[in-house]
Amino acid sequence: MSAVEVIEPGEVERRIREAIPDCEVSAVNLHDSADHFEVTVVAEAFNGCSIVEQHRMVYAALGDAMRAAIHALVVKTLTPEQYRRGLLSEIE
């Protein structure tokens, strides 16, 4: 039997920051399950990208963790301008 891989919110944030330079990211462990997370990412890199493209960038940043340690992920992405305009509440 193989060991269950566990990932902490800080590691989720680190991986996203590493892949999406100059982003602001927050990862929350939902339900204290260590495999259900919600991430909010604000990045200039999202300018001109569709929501699907933005989410793909986040999933790509998490790589293998999406196939092992993370069972469920809620992704919220915004450009800095959207964040300044208070649009986070519209995607929650």
N, C-alpha and C. Protein backbone atom coordinates (compact mmCIF):
# COMPACT_ATOMS: atom_id res chain seq x y z
N MET A 1 0.85 -1.17 0.00
CA MET A 1 0.00 0.00 0.00
C MET A 1 0.90 1.23 0.00
N SER A 2 0.59 2.21 -0.84
CA SER A 2 1.40 3.42 -0.91
C SER A 2 0.91 4.45 0.10
N ALA A 3 1.82 5.30 0.53
CA ALA A 3 1.49 6.37 1.47
C ALA A 3 0.65 7.43 0.77
N VAL A 4 -0.26 8.03 1.51
CA VAL A 4 -1.09 9.09 0.96
C VAL A 4 -0.30 10.38 0.97
N GLU A 5 -0.22 11.03 -0.18
CA GLU A 5 0.50 12.29 -0.28
C GLU A 5 -0.35 13.40 0.30
N VAL A 6 0.27 14.25 1.11
CA VAL A 6 -0.42 15.37 1.74
C VAL A 6 0.28 16.65 1.33
N ILE A 7 -0.49 17.68 1.06
CA ILE A 7 0.08 18.98 0.69
C ILE A 7 -0.55 20.04 1.59
N GLU A 8 0.28 20.94 2.04
CA GLU A 8 -0.17 22.02 2.92
C GLU A 8 -0.52 23.26 2.09
N PRO A 9 -1.39 24.14 2.60
CA PRO A 9 -1.74 25.36 1.87
C PRO A 9 -0.51 26.19 1.47
N GLY A 10 0.48 26.26 2.33
CA GLY A 10 1.69 27.01 2.01
C GLY A 10 2.42 26.46 0.79
N GLU A 11 2.41 25.14 0.64
CA GLU A 11 3.03 24.51 -0.53
C GLU A 11 2.23 24.79 -1.79
N VAL A 12 0.91 24.79 -1.67
CA VAL A 12 0.05 25.14 -2.81
C VAL A 12 0.38 26.57 -3.26
N GLU A 13 0.47 27.50 -2.30
CA GLU A 13 0.79 28.89 -2.62
C GLU A 13 2.17 29.00 -3.25
N ARG A 14 3.16 28.29 -2.70
CA ARG A 14 4.52 28.35 -3.23
C ARG A 14 4.58 27.91 -4.68
N ARG A 15 3.90 26.81 -4.99
CA ARG A 15 3.92 26.30 -6.37
C ARG A 15 3.29 27.29 -7.35
N ILE A 16 2.20 27.92 -6.92
CA ILE A 16 1.54 28.90 -7.80
C ILE A 16 2.42 30.13 -7.97
N ARG A 17 3.01 30.63 -6.89
CA ARG A 17 3.90 31.80 -6.98
C ARG A 17 5.10 31.52 -7.88
N GLU A 18 5.60 30.32 -7.79
CA GLU A 18 6.76 29.95 -8.60
C GLU A 18 6.42 29.94 -10.10
N ALA A 19 5.22 29.51 -10.43
CA ALA A 19 4.81 29.38 -11.83
C ALA A 19 4.21 30.66 -12.41
N ILE A 20 3.63 31.49 -11.55
CA ILE A 20 2.98 32.72 -12.01
C ILE A 20 3.65 33.88 -11.28
N PRO A 21 4.72 34.42 -11.85
CA PRO A 21 5.50 35.46 -11.18
C PRO A 21 4.66 36.68 -10.80
N ASP A 22 5.01 37.27 -9.69
CA ASP A 22 4.39 38.51 -9.20
C ASP A 22 2.91 38.38 -8.92
N CYS A 23 2.45 37.18 -8.62
CA CYS A 23 1.03 37.01 -8.28
C CYS A 23 0.84 37.13 -6.78
N GLU A 24 -0.38 37.41 -6.40
CA GLU A 24 -0.81 37.33 -5.01
C GLU A 24 -1.69 36.10 -4.93
N VAL A 25 -1.43 35.24 -3.97
CA VAL A 25 -2.19 33.99 -3.89
C VAL A 25 -2.52 33.66 -2.45
N SER A 26 -3.71 33.12 -2.28
CA SER A 26 -4.16 32.64 -0.98
C SER A 26 -4.74 31.25 -1.18
N ALA A 27 -4.28 30.30 -0.38
CA ALA A 27 -4.81 28.94 -0.44
C ALA A 27 -5.42 28.60 0.92
N VAL A 28 -6.61 28.05 0.88
CA VAL A 28 -7.32 27.67 2.10
C VAL A 28 -7.64 26.19 2.02
N ASN A 29 -7.34 25.49 3.10
CA ASN A 29 -7.66 24.06 3.22
C ASN A 29 -9.13 23.97 3.64
N LEU A 30 -9.97 23.50 2.76
CA LEU A 30 -11.41 23.38 3.06
C LEU A 30 -11.67 22.12 3.87
N HIS A 31 -12.53 22.19 4.82
CA HIS A 31 -13.00 21.03 5.59
C HIS A 31 -11.89 20.33 6.37
N ASP A 32 -10.74 20.97 6.56
CA ASP A 32 -9.60 20.33 7.26
C ASP A 32 -9.30 18.96 6.71
N SER A 33 -9.45 18.80 5.43
CA SER A 33 -9.28 17.49 4.81
C SER A 33 -7.89 17.26 4.24
N ALA A 34 -7.12 18.33 4.06
CA ALA A 34 -5.77 18.28 3.47
C ALA A 34 -5.78 17.85 2.00
N ASP A 35 -6.95 17.75 1.39
CA ASP A 35 -6.98 17.46 -0.05
C ASP A 35 -8.06 18.25 -0.79
N HIS A 36 -8.76 19.14 -0.09
CA HIS A 36 -9.75 20.04 -0.69
C HIS A 36 -9.29 21.47 -0.42
N PHE A 37 -9.05 22.23 -1.49
CA PHE A 37 -8.52 23.57 -1.33
C PHE A 37 -9.33 24.58 -2.13
N GLU A 38 -9.25 25.83 -1.68
CA GLU A 38 -9.74 26.97 -2.45
C GLU A 38 -8.56 27.92 -2.62
N VAL A 39 -8.29 28.32 -3.86
CA VAL A 39 -7.22 29.27 -4.11
C VAL A 39 -7.78 30.50 -4.79
N THR A 40 -7.26 31.65 -4.38
CA THR A 40 -7.56 32.92 -5.04
C THR A 40 -6.23 33.46 -5.52
N VAL A 41 -6.16 33.77 -6.81
CA VAL A 41 -4.91 34.24 -7.42
C VAL A 41 -5.18 35.54 -8.17
N VAL A 42 -4.38 36.56 -7.86
CA VAL A 42 -4.45 37.85 -8.56
C VAL A 42 -3.12 38.02 -9.28
N ALA A 43 -3.17 38.20 -10.61
CA ALA A 43 -1.92 38.27 -11.37
C ALA A 43 -2.07 39.09 -12.65
N GLU A 44 -1.04 39.88 -12.93
CA GLU A 44 -0.96 40.60 -14.20
C GLU A 44 -0.95 39.61 -15.36
N ALA A 45 -0.38 38.43 -15.13
CA ALA A 45 -0.29 37.42 -16.19
C ALA A 45 -1.66 37.02 -16.73
N PHE A 46 -2.72 37.31 -15.99
CA PHE A 46 -4.06 36.96 -16.44
C PHE A 46 -4.66 37.96 -17.42
N ASN A 47 -4.03 39.13 -17.56
CA ASN A 47 -4.54 40.14 -18.50
C ASN A 47 -4.63 39.55 -19.90
N GLY A 48 -5.78 39.70 -20.53
CA GLY A 48 -5.97 39.21 -21.89
C GLY A 48 -6.29 37.73 -21.99
N CYS A 49 -6.32 37.04 -20.86
CA CYS A 49 -6.62 35.60 -20.87
C CYS A 49 -8.07 35.36 -20.49
N SER A 50 -8.65 34.32 -21.06
CA SER A 50 -10.00 33.93 -20.65
C SER A 50 -9.93 33.28 -19.27
N ILE A 51 -11.07 33.14 -18.65
CA ILE A 51 -11.13 32.46 -17.34
C ILE A 51 -10.57 31.05 -17.47
N VAL A 52 -10.90 30.36 -18.54
CA VAL A 52 -10.39 29.00 -18.75
C VAL A 52 -8.87 29.00 -18.82
N GLU A 53 -8.30 29.95 -19.56
CA GLU A 53 -6.84 30.03 -19.66
C GLU A 53 -6.21 30.35 -18.30
N GLN A 54 -6.85 31.23 -17.54
CA GLN A 54 -6.34 31.57 -16.21
C GLN A 54 -6.34 30.33 -15.31
N HIS A 55 -7.42 29.60 -15.33
CA HIS A 55 -7.52 28.40 -14.48
C HIS A 55 -6.52 27.33 -14.93
N ARG A 56 -6.32 27.22 -16.22
CA ARG A 56 -5.32 26.26 -16.72
C ARG A 56 -3.93 26.61 -16.20
N MET A 57 -3.62 27.90 -16.11
CA MET A 57 -2.33 28.33 -15.57
C MET A 57 -2.17 27.88 -14.12
N VAL A 58 -3.23 27.99 -13.35
CA VAL A 58 -3.19 27.58 -11.95
C VAL A 58 -3.04 26.06 -11.85
N TYR A 59 -3.84 25.32 -12.61
CA TYR A 59 -3.73 23.86 -12.59
C TYR A 59 -2.34 23.40 -13.03
N ALA A 60 -1.79 24.06 -14.04
CA ALA A 60 -0.45 23.69 -14.51
C ALA A 60 0.59 23.95 -13.42
N ALA A 61 0.41 25.02 -12.67
CA ALA A 61 1.34 25.35 -11.59
C ALA A 61 1.35 24.26 -10.52
N LEU A 62 0.22 23.63 -10.31
CA LEU A 62 0.12 22.60 -9.27
C LEU A 62 0.58 21.24 -9.76
N GLY A 63 0.63 21.07 -11.07
CA GLY A 63 1.22 19.87 -11.66
C GLY A 63 0.73 18.56 -11.08
N ASP A 64 1.70 17.73 -10.67
CA ASP A 64 1.40 16.39 -10.17
C ASP A 64 0.52 16.38 -8.93
N ALA A 65 0.53 17.46 -8.17
CA ALA A 65 -0.31 17.51 -6.96
C ALA A 65 -1.78 17.37 -7.32
N MET A 66 -2.16 17.80 -8.52
CA MET A 66 -3.56 17.67 -8.95
C MET A 66 -3.94 16.22 -9.21
N ARG A 67 -2.96 15.36 -9.42
CA ARG A 67 -3.25 13.95 -9.67
C ARG A 67 -3.06 13.10 -8.42
N ALA A 68 -2.53 13.72 -7.36
CA ALA A 68 -2.23 12.92 -6.18
C ALA A 68 -2.78 13.56 -4.90
N ALA A 69 -2.16 14.63 -4.45
CA ALA A 69 -2.47 15.19 -3.14
C ALA A 69 -3.76 16.02 -3.11
N ILE A 70 -4.13 16.63 -4.22
CA ILE A 70 -5.32 17.49 -4.24
C ILE A 70 -6.47 16.75 -4.92
N HIS A 71 -7.54 16.58 -4.15
CA HIS A 71 -8.72 15.88 -4.67
C HIS A 71 -9.71 16.87 -5.27
N ALA A 72 -9.86 18.04 -4.63
CA ALA A 72 -10.81 19.05 -5.11
C ALA A 72 -10.19 20.43 -4.98
N LEU A 73 -10.45 21.28 -5.98
CA LEU A 73 -9.87 22.61 -5.99
C LEU A 73 -10.88 23.62 -6.51
N VAL A 74 -11.14 24.66 -5.72
CA VAL A 74 -11.95 25.80 -6.14
C VAL A 74 -10.95 26.88 -6.53
N VAL A 75 -11.06 27.39 -7.76
CA VAL A 75 -10.10 28.37 -8.27
C VAL A 75 -10.83 29.68 -8.55
N LYS A 76 -10.28 30.77 -7.99
CA LYS A 76 -10.77 32.12 -8.26
C LYS A 76 -9.59 32.92 -8.78
N THR A 77 -9.73 33.49 -9.97
CA THR A 77 -8.64 34.24 -10.58
C THR A 77 -9.11 35.63 -10.98
N LEU A 78 -8.22 36.60 -10.79
CA LEU A 78 -8.51 37.97 -11.17
C LEU A 78 -7.25 38.66 -11.65
N THR A 79 -7.43 39.66 -12.50
CA THR A 79 -6.33 40.56 -12.82
C THR A 79 -6.26 41.58 -11.67
N PRO A 80 -5.15 42.28 -11.54
CA PRO A 80 -5.08 43.31 -10.50
C PRO A 80 -6.18 44.38 -10.65
N GLU A 81 -6.50 44.73 -11.89
CA GLU A 81 -7.56 45.73 -12.11
C GLU A 81 -8.91 45.20 -11.62
N GLN A 82 -9.22 43.96 -11.91
CA GLN A 82 -10.47 43.38 -11.42
C GLN A 82 -10.50 43.37 -9.89
N TYR A 83 -9.37 43.06 -9.30
CA TYR A 83 -9.29 43.04 -7.83
C TYR A 83 -9.51 44.44 -7.27
N ARG A 84 -8.86 45.45 -7.87
CA ARG A 84 -9.03 46.84 -7.41
C ARG A 84 -10.47 47.30 -7.54
N ARG A 85 -11.16 46.83 -8.56
CA ARG A 85 -12.57 47.21 -8.76
C ARG A 85 -13.52 46.42 -7.87
N GLY A 86 -12.98 45.53 -7.05
CA GLY A 86 -13.80 44.79 -6.10
C GLY A 86 -14.57 43.65 -6.72
N LEU A 87 -14.06 43.09 -7.82
CA LEU A 87 -14.79 42.04 -8.50
C LEU A 87 -14.66 40.66 -7.84
N LEU A 88 -13.84 40.54 -6.81
CA LEU A 88 -13.72 39.25 -6.14
C LEU A 88 -15.08 38.78 -5.63
N SER A 89 -15.86 39.70 -5.10
CA SER A 89 -17.17 39.33 -4.57
C SER A 89 -18.09 38.78 -5.65
N GLU A 90 -17.87 39.15 -6.91
CA GLU A 90 -18.71 38.67 -8.00
C GLU A 90 -18.40 37.23 -8.38
N ILE A 91 -17.21 36.74 -8.03
CA ILE A 91 -16.89 35.36 -8.40
C ILE A 91 -17.02 34.41 -7.21
N GLU A 92 -17.37 34.94 -6.06
CA GLU A 92 -17.52 34.07 -4.88
C GLU A 92 -18.90 33.47 -4.84
